[in-house]
């Protein structure tokens, strides 16, 4: 959402969120989930793959993840960033709301 804010603020140095909100957003919503997935991720054993060859072959044949699914995920990500940014902007257009209030709305929306 901050990516879209830069365009609306005409590339100025104004901030929509407090510094702590930006730090906590980066810490909580990006790094912690990545660390948890990395810690809990477990490869299948050689024995399991030999007993169930479909598990290994599905990845080689790109059955579970393909280029089409990649682009669907990219479009979904674009939508999920545009909606929480522009819904409050369009809702409060023409009112006296300031950028800090928008930042609070965006922080809560995430």
PDB file of N, CA and C in Angstrom:
ATOM      1  N   UNK A   1       0.809  -1.186   0.000  1.00  0.00           N
ATOM      2  CA  UNK A   1       0.000   0.000   0.000  1.00  0.00           C
ATOM      3  C   UNK A   1       0.859   1.259   0.000  1.00  0.00           C
ATOM      4  N   UNK A   2       2.001   1.195   0.652  1.00  0.00           N
ATOM      5  CA  UNK A   2       2.878   2.362   0.645  1.00  0.00           C
ATOM      6  C   UNK A   2       3.416   2.643  -0.753  1.00  0.00           C
ATOM      7  N   UNK A   3       3.510   1.605  -1.573  1.00  0.00           N
ATOM      8  CA  UNK A   3       3.923   1.790  -2.965  1.00  0.00           C
ATOM      9  C   UNK A   3       2.947   2.717  -3.680  1.00  0.00           C
ATOM     10  N   UNK A   4       1.645   2.502  -3.507  1.00  0.00           N
ATOM     11  CA  UNK A   4       0.636   3.334  -4.161  1.00  0.00           C
ATOM     12  C   UNK A   4       0.584   4.723  -3.530  1.00  0.00           C
ATOM     13  N   UNK A   5       0.891   4.825  -2.236  1.00  0.00           N
ATOM     14  CA  UNK A   5       0.882   6.122  -1.558  1.00  0.00           C
ATOM     15  C   UNK A   5       1.926   7.059  -2.158  1.00  0.00           C
ATOM     16  N   UNK A   6       3.057   6.525  -2.549  1.00  0.00           N
ATOM     17  CA  UNK A   6       4.118   7.350  -3.127  1.00  0.00           C
ATOM     18  C   UNK A   6       3.614   8.058  -4.381  1.00  0.00           C
ATOM     19  N   UNK A   7       2.821   7.390  -5.189  1.00  0.00           N
ATOM     20  CA  UNK A   7       2.281   8.024  -6.394  1.00  0.00           C
ATOM     21  C   UNK A   7       1.268   9.109  -6.043  1.00  0.00           C
ATOM     22  N   UNK A   8       0.430   8.865  -5.033  1.00  0.00           N
ATOM     23  CA  UNK A   8      -0.562   9.871  -4.635  1.00  0.00           C
ATOM     24  C   UNK A   8       0.083  11.069  -3.955  1.00  0.00           C
ATOM     25  N   UNK A   9       1.213  10.869  -3.297  1.00  0.00           N
ATOM     26  CA  UNK A   9       1.912  11.956  -2.610  1.00  0.00           C
ATOM     27  C   UNK A   9       2.907  12.658  -3.531  1.00  0.00           C
ATOM     28  N   UNK A  10       2.866  12.345  -4.810  1.00  0.00           N
ATOM     29  CA  UNK A  10       3.726  12.962  -5.822  1.00  0.00           C
ATOM     30  C   UNK A  10       5.205  12.802  -5.485  1.00  0.00           C
ATOM     31  N   UNK A  11       5.576  11.625  -4.993  1.00  0.00           N
ATOM     32  CA  UNK A  11       6.961  11.282  -4.677  1.00  0.00           C
ATOM     33  C   UNK A  11       7.591  12.228  -3.656  1.00  0.00           C
ATOM     34  N   UNK A  12       6.764  12.803  -2.775  1.00  0.00           N
ATOM     35  CA  UNK A  12       7.313  13.659  -1.726  1.00  0.00           C
ATOM     36  C   UNK A  12       7.814  12.796  -0.570  1.00  0.00           C
ATOM     37  N   UNK A  13       8.375  13.426   0.421  1.00  0.00           N
ATOM     38  CA  UNK A  13       8.924  12.672   1.552  1.00  0.00           C
ATOM     39  C   UNK A  13       7.930  12.528   2.696  1.00  0.00           C
ATOM     40  N   UNK A  14       6.679  12.832   2.467  1.00  0.00           N
ATOM     41  CA  UNK A  14       5.690  12.675   3.536  1.00  0.00           C
ATOM     42  C   UNK A  14       5.464  11.199   3.825  1.00  0.00           C
ATOM     43  N   UNK A  15       5.125  10.919   5.068  1.00  0.00           N
ATOM     44  CA  UNK A  15       4.878   9.549   5.480  1.00  0.00           C
ATOM     45  C   UNK A  15       3.417   9.389   5.858  1.00  0.00           C
ATOM     46  N   UNK A  16       2.871   8.237   5.519  1.00  0.00           N
ATOM     47  CA  UNK A  16       1.489   7.953   5.884  1.00  0.00           C
ATOM     48  C   UNK A  16       1.416   7.170   7.183  1.00  0.00           C
ATOM     49  N   UNK A  17       2.482   6.493   7.535  1.00  0.00           N
ATOM     50  CA  UNK A  17       2.499   5.671   8.743  1.00  0.00           C
ATOM     51  C   UNK A  17       3.648   6.102   9.639  1.00  0.00           C
ATOM     52  N   UNK A  18       3.503   5.809  10.915  1.00  0.00           N
ATOM     53  CA  UNK A  18       4.595   6.103  11.831  1.00  0.00           C
ATOM     54  C   UNK A  18       5.752   5.146  11.552  1.00  0.00           C
ATOM     55  N   UNK A  19       6.907   5.514  12.041  1.00  0.00           N
ATOM     56  CA  UNK A  19       8.077   4.654  11.833  1.00  0.00           C
ATOM     57  C   UNK A  19       7.882   3.292  12.477  1.00  0.00           C
ATOM     58  N   UNK A  20       7.261   3.272  13.655  1.00  0.00           N
ATOM     59  CA  UNK A  20       7.035   1.993  14.339  1.00  0.00           C
ATOM     60  C   UNK A  20       6.074   1.104  13.567  1.00  0.00           C
ATOM     61  N   UNK A  21       5.080   1.696  12.936  1.00  0.00           N
ATOM     62  CA  UNK A  21       4.152   0.896  12.126  1.00  0.00           C
ATOM     63  C   UNK A  21       4.883   0.243  10.961  1.00  0.00           C
ATOM     64  N   UNK A  22       5.781   0.983  10.330  1.00  0.00           N
ATOM     65  CA  UNK A  22       6.550   0.418   9.214  1.00  0.00           C
ATOM     66  C   UNK A  22       7.468  -0.702   9.686  1.00  0.00           C
ATOM     67  N   UNK A  23       8.117  -0.492  10.835  1.00  0.00           N
ATOM     68  CA  UNK A  23       9.023  -1.516  11.364  1.00  0.00           C
ATOM     69  C   UNK A  23       8.245  -2.767  11.739  1.00  0.00           C
ATOM     70  N   UNK A  24       7.145  -2.597  12.456  1.00  0.00           N
ATOM     71  CA  UNK A  24       6.356  -3.753  12.879  1.00  0.00           C
ATOM     72  C   UNK A  24       5.722  -4.456  11.693  1.00  0.00           C
ATOM     73  N   UNK A  25       5.308  -3.700  10.675  1.00  0.00           N
ATOM     74  CA  UNK A  25       4.753  -4.318   9.477  1.00  0.00           C
ATOM     75  C   UNK A  25       5.800  -5.212   8.823  1.00  0.00           C
ATOM     76  N   UNK A  26       7.005  -4.676   8.675  1.00  0.00           N
ATOM     77  CA  UNK A  26       8.071  -5.468   8.057  1.00  0.00           C
ATOM     78  C   UNK A  26       8.419  -6.680   8.905  1.00  0.00           C
ATOM     79  N   UNK A  27       8.434  -6.509  10.209  1.00  0.00           N
ATOM     80  CA  UNK A  27       8.816  -7.604  11.096  1.00  0.00           C
ATOM     81  C   UNK A  27       7.733  -8.671  11.176  1.00  0.00           C
ATOM     82  N   UNK A  28       6.511  -8.259  11.434  1.00  0.00           N
ATOM     83  CA  UNK A  28       5.438  -9.224  11.691  1.00  0.00           C
ATOM     84  C   UNK A  28       4.919  -9.859  10.409  1.00  0.00           C
ATOM     85  N   UNK A  29       4.588  -9.051   9.423  1.00  0.00           N
ATOM     86  CA  UNK A  29       3.891  -9.579   8.259  1.00  0.00           C
ATOM     87  C   UNK A  29       4.800 -10.184   7.197  1.00  0.00           C
ATOM     88  N   UNK A  30       6.083  -9.930   7.259  1.00  0.00           N
ATOM     89  CA  UNK A  30       6.953 -10.509   6.235  1.00  0.00           C
ATOM     90  C   UNK A  30       7.953 -11.499   6.807  1.00  0.00           C
ATOM     91  N   UNK A  31       8.720 -11.087   7.776  1.00  0.00           N
ATOM     92  CA  UNK A  31       9.816 -11.958   8.208  1.00  0.00           C
ATOM     93  C   UNK A  31       9.373 -13.111   9.088  1.00  0.00           C
ATOM     94  N   UNK A  32       8.454 -12.896  10.003  1.00  0.00           N
ATOM     95  CA  UNK A  32       8.083 -13.974  10.932  1.00  0.00           C
ATOM     96  C   UNK A  32       7.448 -15.143  10.188  1.00  0.00           C
ATOM     97  N   UNK A  33       6.550 -14.873   9.256  1.00  0.00           N
ATOM     98  CA  UNK A  33       5.914 -15.961   8.516  1.00  0.00           C
ATOM     99  C   UNK A  33       6.928 -16.725   7.667  1.00  0.00           C
ATOM    100  N   UNK A  34       7.872 -16.008   7.085  1.00  0.00           N
ATOM    101  CA  UNK A  34       8.908 -16.664   6.295  1.00  0.00           C
ATOM    102  C   UNK A  34       9.776 -17.555   7.168  1.00  0.00           C
ATOM    103  N   UNK A  35      10.120 -17.082   8.346  1.00  0.00           N
ATOM    104  CA  UNK A  35      10.932 -17.880   9.268  1.00  0.00           C
ATOM    105  C   UNK A  35      10.173 -19.117   9.720  1.00  0.00           C
ATOM    106  N   UNK A  36       8.888 -18.963  10.048  1.00  0.00           N
ATOM    107  CA  UNK A  36       8.087 -20.108  10.497  1.00  0.00           C
ATOM    108  C   UNK A  36       7.992 -21.162   9.398  1.00  0.00           C
ATOM    109  N   UNK A  37       7.732 -20.743   8.176  1.00  0.00           N
ATOM    110  CA  UNK A  37       7.656 -21.699   7.067  1.00  0.00           C
ATOM    111  C   UNK A  37       9.009 -22.372   6.860  1.00  0.00           C
ATOM    112  N   UNK A  38      10.087 -21.611   6.942  1.00  0.00           N
ATOM    113  CA  UNK A  38      11.411 -22.188   6.771  1.00  0.00           C
ATOM    114  C   UNK A  38      11.763 -23.189   7.853  1.00  0.00           C
ATOM    115  N   UNK A  39      11.347 -22.917   9.084  1.00  0.00           N
ATOM    116  CA  UNK A  39      11.643 -23.834  10.190  1.00  0.00           C
ATOM    117  C   UNK A  39      10.796 -25.094  10.099  1.00  0.00           C
ATOM    118  N   UNK A  40       9.529 -24.936   9.738  1.00  0.00           N
ATOM    119  CA  UNK A  40       8.622 -26.079   9.719  1.00  0.00           C
ATOM    120  C   UNK A  40       8.668 -26.874   8.417  1.00  0.00           C
ATOM    121  N   UNK A  41       9.307 -26.333   7.382  1.00  0.00           N
ATOM    122  CA  UNK A  41       9.387 -27.038   6.106  1.00  0.00           C
ATOM    123  C   UNK A  41      10.241 -28.295   6.263  1.00  0.00           C
ATOM    124  N   UNK A  42       9.746 -29.367   5.726  1.00  0.00           N
ATOM    125  CA  UNK A  42      10.458 -30.639   5.872  1.00  0.00           C
ATOM    126  C   UNK A  42      10.407 -31.376   4.538  1.00  0.00           C
ATOM    127  N   UNK A  43      11.557 -31.776   4.069  1.00  0.00           N
ATOM    128  CA  UNK A  43      11.607 -32.574   2.847  1.00  0.00           C
ATOM    129  C   UNK A  43      11.125 -33.987   3.143  1.00  0.00           C
ATOM    130  N   UNK A  44      10.596 -34.602   2.121  1.00  0.00           N
ATOM    131  CA  UNK A  44      10.198 -35.999   2.271  1.00  0.00           C
ATOM    132  C   UNK A  44      11.432 -36.882   2.233  1.00  0.00           C
ATOM    133  N   UNK A  45      11.379 -37.937   2.980  1.00  0.00           N
ATOM    134  CA  UNK A  45      12.529 -38.841   3.023  1.00  0.00           C
ATOM    135  C   UNK A  45      12.653 -39.610   1.705  1.00  0.00           C
ATOM    136  N   UNK A  46      13.837 -40.123   1.478  1.00  0.00           N
ATOM    137  CA  UNK A  46      14.113 -40.916   0.274  1.00  0.00           C
ATOM    138  C   UNK A  46      13.195 -42.138   0.222  1.00  0.00           C
ATOM    139  N   UNK A  47      12.974 -42.730   1.368  1.00  0.00           N
ATOM    140  CA  UNK A  47      12.118 -43.920   1.452  1.00  0.00           C
ATOM    141  C   UNK A  47      10.671 -43.590   1.064  1.00  0.00           C
ATOM    142  N   UNK A  48      10.168 -42.458   1.549  1.00  0.00           N
ATOM    143  CA  UNK A  48       8.794 -42.053   1.228  1.00  0.00           C
ATOM    144  C   UNK A  48       8.644 -41.780  -0.262  1.00  0.00           C
ATOM    145  N   UNK A  49       9.625 -41.120  -0.856  1.00  0.00           N
ATOM    146  CA  UNK A  49       9.552 -40.820  -2.288  1.00  0.00           C
ATOM    147  C   UNK A  49       9.609 -42.082  -3.137  1.00  0.00           C
ATOM    148  N   UNK A  50      10.382 -43.063  -2.701  1.00  0.00           N
ATOM    149  CA  UNK A  50      10.429 -44.327  -3.444  1.00  0.00           C
ATOM    150  C   UNK A  50       9.124 -45.104  -3.305  1.00  0.00           C
ATOM    151  N   UNK A  51       8.471 -44.992  -2.151  1.00  0.00           N
ATOM    152  CA  UNK A  51       7.198 -45.689  -1.951  1.00  0.00           C
ATOM    153  C   UNK A  51       6.055 -45.002  -2.694  1.00  0.00           C
ATOM    154  N   UNK A  52       6.140 -43.692  -2.846  1.00  0.00           N
ATOM    155  CA  UNK A  52       5.084 -42.915  -3.508  1.00  0.00           C
ATOM    156  C   UNK A  52       5.708 -42.054  -4.610  1.00  0.00           C
ATOM    157  N   UNK A  53       6.009 -42.616  -5.768  1.00  0.00           N
ATOM    158  CA  UNK A  53       6.691 -41.860  -6.828  1.00  0.00           C
ATOM    159  C   UNK A  53       5.863 -40.707  -7.389  1.00  0.00           C
ATOM    160  N   UNK A  54       4.549 -40.728  -7.197  1.00  0.00           N
ATOM    161  CA  UNK A  54       3.720 -39.624  -7.685  1.00  0.00           C
ATOM    162  C   UNK A  54       4.087 -38.311  -6.999  1.00  0.00           C
ATOM    163  N   UNK A  55       4.521 -38.386  -5.748  1.00  0.00           N
ATOM    164  CA  UNK A  55       4.897 -37.175  -5.024  1.00  0.00           C
ATOM    165  C   UNK A  55       6.082 -36.480  -5.684  1.00  0.00           C
ATOM    166  N   UNK A  56       7.029 -37.250  -6.174  1.00  0.00           N
ATOM    167  CA  UNK A  56       8.218 -36.688  -6.814  1.00  0.00           C
ATOM    168  C   UNK A  56       7.904 -36.238  -8.238  1.00  0.00           C
ATOM    169  N   UNK A  57       7.139 -37.019  -8.958  1.00  0.00           N
ATOM    170  CA  UNK A  57       6.835 -36.719 -10.357  1.00  0.00           C
ATOM    171  C   UNK A  57       5.947 -35.505 -10.538  1.00  0.00           C
ATOM    172  N   UNK A  58       5.097 -35.216  -9.556  1.00  0.00           N
ATOM    173  CA  UNK A  58       4.199 -34.068  -9.681  1.00  0.00           C
ATOM    174  C   UNK A  58       4.985 -32.766  -9.788  1.00  0.00           C
ATOM    175  N   UNK A  59       6.081 -32.668  -9.057  1.00  0.00           N
ATOM    176  CA  UNK A  59       6.907 -31.468  -9.139  1.00  0.00           C
ATOM    177  C   UNK A  59       7.628 -31.355 -10.466  1.00  0.00           C
ATOM    178  N   UNK A  60       8.091 -32.462 -10.983  1.00  0.00           N
ATOM    179  CA  UNK A  60       8.782 -32.440 -12.274  1.00  0.00           C
ATOM    180  C   UNK A  60       7.843 -32.082 -13.417  1.00  0.00           C
ATOM    181  N   UNK A  61       6.606 -32.520 -13.323  1.00  0.00           N
ATOM    182  CA  UNK A  61       5.625 -32.240 -14.377  1.00  0.00           C
ATOM    183  C   UNK A  61       4.907 -30.910 -14.154  1.00  0.00           C
ATOM    184  N   UNK A  62       5.271 -30.195 -13.115  1.00  0.00           N
ATOM    185  CA  UNK A  62       4.666 -28.906 -12.759  1.00  0.00           C
ATOM    186  C   UNK A  62       3.154 -29.011 -12.622  1.00  0.00           C
ATOM    187  N   UNK A  63       2.694 -30.069 -11.964  1.00  0.00           N
ATOM    188  CA  UNK A  63       1.260 -30.250 -11.771  1.00  0.00           C
ATOM    189  C   UNK A  63       0.715 -29.337 -10.680  1.00  0.00           C
ATOM    190  N   UNK A  64       1.510 -29.096  -9.650  1.00  0.00           N
ATOM    191  CA  UNK A  64       0.983 -28.293  -8.566  1.00  0.00           C
ATOM    192  C   UNK A  64       1.297 -26.808  -8.704  1.00  0.00           C
ATOM    193  N   UNK A  65       2.282 -26.441  -9.474  1.00  0.00           N
ATOM    194  CA  UNK A  65       2.607 -25.024  -9.656  1.00  0.00           C
ATOM    195  C   UNK A  65       3.096 -24.814 -11.078  1.00  0.00           C
ATOM    196  N   UNK A  66       2.450 -23.902 -11.776  1.00  0.00           N
ATOM    197  CA  UNK A  66       2.792 -23.661 -13.175  1.00  0.00           C
ATOM    198  C   UNK A  66       2.925 -22.159 -13.406  1.00  0.00           C
ATOM    199  N   UNK A  67       3.303 -21.795 -14.603  1.00  0.00           N
ATOM    200  CA  UNK A  67       3.430 -20.387 -14.956  1.00  0.00           C
ATOM    201  C   UNK A  67       2.074 -19.686 -14.877  1.00  0.00           C
ATOM    202  N   UNK A  68       1.031 -20.393 -15.251  1.00  0.00           N
ATOM    203  CA  UNK A  68      -0.324 -19.825 -15.174  1.00  0.00           C
ATOM    204  C   UNK A  68      -0.694 -19.506 -13.730  1.00  0.00           C
ATOM    205  N   UNK A  69      -0.403 -20.419 -12.797  1.00  0.00           N
ATOM    206  CA  UNK A  69      -0.692 -20.171 -11.384  1.00  0.00           C
ATOM    207  C   UNK A  69       0.170 -19.043 -10.821  1.00  0.00           C
ATOM    208  N   UNK A  70       1.388 -18.912 -11.323  1.00  0.00           N
ATOM    209  CA  UNK A  70       2.249 -17.812 -10.901  1.00  0.00           C
ATOM    210  C   UNK A  70       1.612 -16.472 -11.243  1.00  0.00           C
ATOM    211  N   UNK A  71       1.122 -16.335 -12.484  1.00  0.00           N
ATOM    212  CA  UNK A  71       0.523 -15.066 -12.895  1.00  0.00           C
ATOM    213  C   UNK A  71      -0.804 -14.812 -12.197  1.00  0.00           C
ATOM    214  N   UNK A  72      -1.539 -15.859 -11.892  1.00  0.00           N
ATOM    215  CA  UNK A  72      -2.764 -15.687 -11.103  1.00  0.00           C
ATOM    216  C   UNK A  72      -2.417 -15.149  -9.721  1.00  0.00           C
ATOM    217  N   UNK A  73      -1.355 -15.681  -9.123  1.00  0.00           N
ATOM    218  CA  UNK A  73      -0.916 -15.198  -7.812  1.00  0.00           C
ATOM    219  C   UNK A  73      -0.452 -13.742  -7.891  1.00  0.00           C
ATOM    220  N   UNK A  74       0.218 -13.361  -8.979  1.00  0.00           N
ATOM    221  CA  UNK A  74       0.667 -11.978  -9.139  1.00  0.00           C
ATOM    222  C   UNK A  74      -0.518 -11.022  -9.272  1.00  0.00           C
ATOM    223  N   UNK A  75      -1.532 -11.413 -10.046  1.00  0.00           N
ATOM    224  CA  UNK A  75      -2.726 -10.574 -10.188  1.00  0.00           C
ATOM    225  C   UNK A  75      -3.492 -10.475  -8.876  1.00  0.00           C
ATOM    226  N   UNK A  76      -3.540 -11.565  -8.127  1.00  0.00           N
ATOM    227  CA  UNK A  76      -4.194 -11.552  -6.822  1.00  0.00           C
ATOM    228  C   UNK A  76      -3.453 -10.623  -5.859  1.00  0.00           C
ATOM    229  N   UNK A  77      -2.136 -10.646  -5.912  1.00  0.00           N
ATOM    230  CA  UNK A  77      -1.336  -9.761  -5.070  1.00  0.00           C
ATOM    231  C   UNK A  77      -1.569  -8.303  -5.441  1.00  0.00           C
ATOM    232  N   UNK A  78      -1.640  -8.018  -6.726  1.00  0.00           N
ATOM    233  CA  UNK A  78      -1.920  -6.657  -7.182  1.00  0.00           C
ATOM    234  C   UNK A  78      -3.275  -6.193  -6.676  1.00  0.00           C
ATOM    235  N   UNK A  79      -4.285  -7.034  -6.802  1.00  0.00           N
ATOM    236  CA  UNK A  79      -5.620  -6.709  -6.322  1.00  0.00           C
ATOM    237  C   UNK A  79      -5.615  -6.465  -4.815  1.00  0.00           C
ATOM    238  N   UNK A  80      -4.899  -7.309  -4.071  1.00  0.00           N
ATOM    239  CA  UNK A  80      -4.882  -7.184  -2.616  1.00  0.00           C
ATOM    240  C   UNK A  80      -4.107  -5.963  -2.138  1.00  0.00           C
ATOM    241  N   UNK A  81      -3.313  -5.353  -2.993  1.00  0.00           N
ATOM    242  CA  UNK A  81      -2.659  -4.108  -2.611  1.00  0.00           C
ATOM    243  C   UNK A  81      -3.474  -2.892  -3.053  1.00  0.00           C
ATOM    244  N   UNK A  82      -4.143  -3.003  -4.190  1.00  0.00           N
ATOM    245  CA  UNK A  82      -4.929  -1.871  -4.690  1.00  0.00           C
ATOM    246  C   UNK A  82      -6.205  -1.633  -3.884  1.00  0.00           C
ATOM    247  N   UNK A  83      -6.899  -2.697  -3.535  1.00  0.00           N
ATOM    248  CA  UNK A  83      -8.184  -2.546  -2.845  1.00  0.00           C
ATOM    249  C   UNK A  83      -8.058  -1.850  -1.492  1.00  0.00           C
ATOM    250  N   UNK A  84      -7.183  -2.302  -0.576  1.00  0.00           N
ATOM    251  CA  UNK A  84      -7.129  -1.605   0.713  1.00  0.00           C
ATOM    252  C   UNK A  84      -6.547  -0.200   0.623  1.00  0.00           C
ATOM    253  N   UNK A  85      -5.858   0.117  -0.465  1.00  0.00           N
ATOM    254  CA  UNK A  85      -5.350   1.478  -0.606  1.00  0.00           C
ATOM    255  C   UNK A  85      -6.422   2.411  -1.155  1.00  0.00           C
ATOM    256  N   UNK A  86      -7.035   2.028  -2.268  1.00  0.00           N
ATOM    257  CA  UNK A  86      -7.930   2.956  -2.955  1.00  0.00           C
ATOM    258  C   UNK A  86      -9.342   3.013  -2.377  1.00  0.00           C
ATOM    259  N   UNK A  87      -9.793   2.011  -1.670  1.00  0.00           N
ATOM    260  CA  UNK A  87     -11.132   2.099  -1.062  1.00  0.00           C
ATOM    261  C   UNK A  87     -11.196   3.237  -0.046  1.00  0.00           C
ATOM    262  N   UNK A  88     -10.256   3.355   0.911  1.00  0.00           N
ATOM    263  CA  UNK A  88     -10.305   4.518   1.805  1.00  0.00           C
ATOM    264  C   UNK A  88     -10.048   5.838   1.079  1.00  0.00           C
ATOM    265  N   UNK A  89      -9.157   5.833   0.089  1.00  0.00           N
ATOM    266  CA  UNK A  89      -8.870   7.073  -0.638  1.00  0.00           C
ATOM    267  C   UNK A  89     -10.131   7.571  -1.340  1.00  0.00           C
ATOM    268  N   UNK A  90     -10.843   6.690  -2.019  1.00  0.00           N
ATOM    269  CA  UNK A  90     -12.070   7.092  -2.716  1.00  0.00           C
ATOM    270  C   UNK A  90     -13.193   7.415  -1.733  1.00  0.00           C
ATOM    271  N   UNK A  91     -13.245   6.707  -0.620  1.00  0.00           N
ATOM    272  CA  UNK A  91     -14.293   6.951   0.371  1.00  0.00           C
ATOM    273  C   UNK A  91     -14.146   8.325   1.009  1.00  0.00           C
ATOM    274  N   UNK A  92     -12.933   8.707   1.353  1.00  0.00           N
ATOM    275  CA  UNK A  92     -12.703   9.966   2.057  1.00  0.00           C
ATOM    276  C   UNK A  92     -12.242  11.090   1.145  1.00  0.00           C
ATOM    277  N   UNK A  93     -12.397  10.936  -0.165  1.00  0.00           N
ATOM    278  CA  UNK A  93     -11.998  11.985  -1.099  1.00  0.00           C
ATOM    279  C   UNK A  93     -12.858  13.230  -0.860  1.00  0.00           C
ATOM    280  N   UNK A  94     -12.213  14.375  -0.783  1.00  0.00           N
ATOM    281  CA  UNK A  94     -12.927  15.624  -0.578  1.00  0.00           C
ATOM    282  C   UNK A  94     -13.186  15.950   0.882  1.00  0.00           C
ATOM    283  N   UNK A  95     -12.722  15.121   1.803  1.00  0.00           N
ATOM    284  CA  UNK A  95     -12.878  15.409   3.231  1.00  0.00           C
ATOM    285  C   UNK A  95     -11.563  15.954   3.777  1.00  0.00           C
ATOM    286  N   UNK A  96     -11.578  16.314   5.039  1.00  0.00           N
ATOM    287  CA  UNK A  96     -10.397  16.916   5.664  1.00  0.00           C
ATOM    288  C   UNK A  96      -9.496  15.882   6.334  1.00  0.00           C
ATOM    289  N   UNK A  97      -9.593  14.633   5.949  1.00  0.00           N
ATOM    290  CA  UNK A  97      -8.770  13.589   6.567  1.00  0.00           C
ATOM    291  C   UNK A  97      -7.308  13.764   6.132  1.00  0.00           C
ATOM    292  N   UNK A  98      -6.393  13.545   7.059  1.00  0.00           N
ATOM    293  CA  UNK A  98      -4.974  13.733   6.756  1.00  0.00           C
ATOM    294  C   UNK A  98      -4.286  12.399   6.473  1.00  0.00           C
ATOM    295  N   UNK A  99      -3.016  12.481   6.082  1.00  0.00           N
ATOM    296  CA  UNK A  99      -2.300  11.267   5.691  1.00  0.00           C
ATOM    297  C   UNK A  99      -2.066  10.331   6.867  1.00  0.00           C
ATOM    298  N   UNK A 100      -1.930  10.855   8.088  1.00  0.00           N
ATOM    299  CA  UNK A 100      -1.744   9.977   9.248  1.00  0.00           C
ATOM    300  C   UNK A 100      -2.986   9.124   9.485  1.00  0.00           C
ATOM    301  N   UNK A 101      -4.148   9.710   9.268  1.00  0.00           N
ATOM    302  CA  UNK A 101      -5.389   8.940   9.429  1.00  0.00           C
ATOM    303  C   UNK A 101      -5.489   7.852   8.370  1.00  0.00           C
ATOM    304  N   UNK A 102      -5.069   8.170   7.149  1.00  0.00           N
ATOM    305  CA  UNK A 102      -5.017   7.136   6.118  1.00  0.00           C
ATOM    306  C   UNK A 102      -4.051   6.035   6.511  1.00  0.00           C
ATOM    307  N   UNK A 103      -2.922   6.427   7.061  1.00  0.00           N
ATOM    308  CA  UNK A 103      -1.944   5.435   7.506  1.00  0.00           C
ATOM    309  C   UNK A 103      -2.515   4.515   8.566  1.00  0.00           C
ATOM    310  N   UNK A 104      -3.299   5.085   9.488  1.00  0.00           N
ATOM    311  CA  UNK A 104      -3.949   4.246  10.504  1.00  0.00           C
ATOM    312  C   UNK A 104      -4.944   3.288   9.869  1.00  0.00           C
ATOM    313  N   UNK A 105      -5.710   3.767   8.900  1.00  0.00           N
ATOM    314  CA  UNK A 105      -6.662   2.897   8.200  1.00  0.00           C
ATOM    315  C   UNK A 105      -5.943   1.775   7.469  1.00  0.00           C
ATOM    316  N   UNK A 106      -4.848   2.103   6.814  1.00  0.00           N
ATOM    317  CA  UNK A 106      -4.103   1.091   6.063  1.00  0.00           C
ATOM    318  C   UNK A 106      -3.452   0.075   6.989  1.00  0.00           C
ATOM    319  N   UNK A 107      -2.972   0.557   8.147  1.00  0.00           N
ATOM    320  CA  UNK A 107      -2.381  -0.375   9.112  1.00  0.00           C
ATOM    321  C   UNK A 107      -3.426  -1.344   9.627  1.00  0.00           C
ATOM    322  N   UNK A 108      -4.609  -0.843   9.923  1.00  0.00           N
ATOM    323  CA  UNK A 108      -5.697  -1.703  10.409  1.00  0.00           C
ATOM    324  C   UNK A 108      -6.179  -2.634   9.301  1.00  0.00           C
ATOM    325  N   UNK A 109      -6.205  -2.154   8.063  1.00  0.00           N
ATOM    326  CA  UNK A 109      -6.698  -2.963   6.946  1.00  0.00           C
ATOM    327  C   UNK A 109      -5.819  -4.169   6.677  1.00  0.00           C
ATOM    328  N   UNK A 110      -4.548  -4.048   6.954  1.00  0.00           N
ATOM    329  CA  UNK A 110      -3.639  -5.167   6.710  1.00  0.00           C
ATOM    330  C   UNK A 110      -3.865  -6.195   7.776  1.00  0.00           C
TER     331      UNK A 110
END
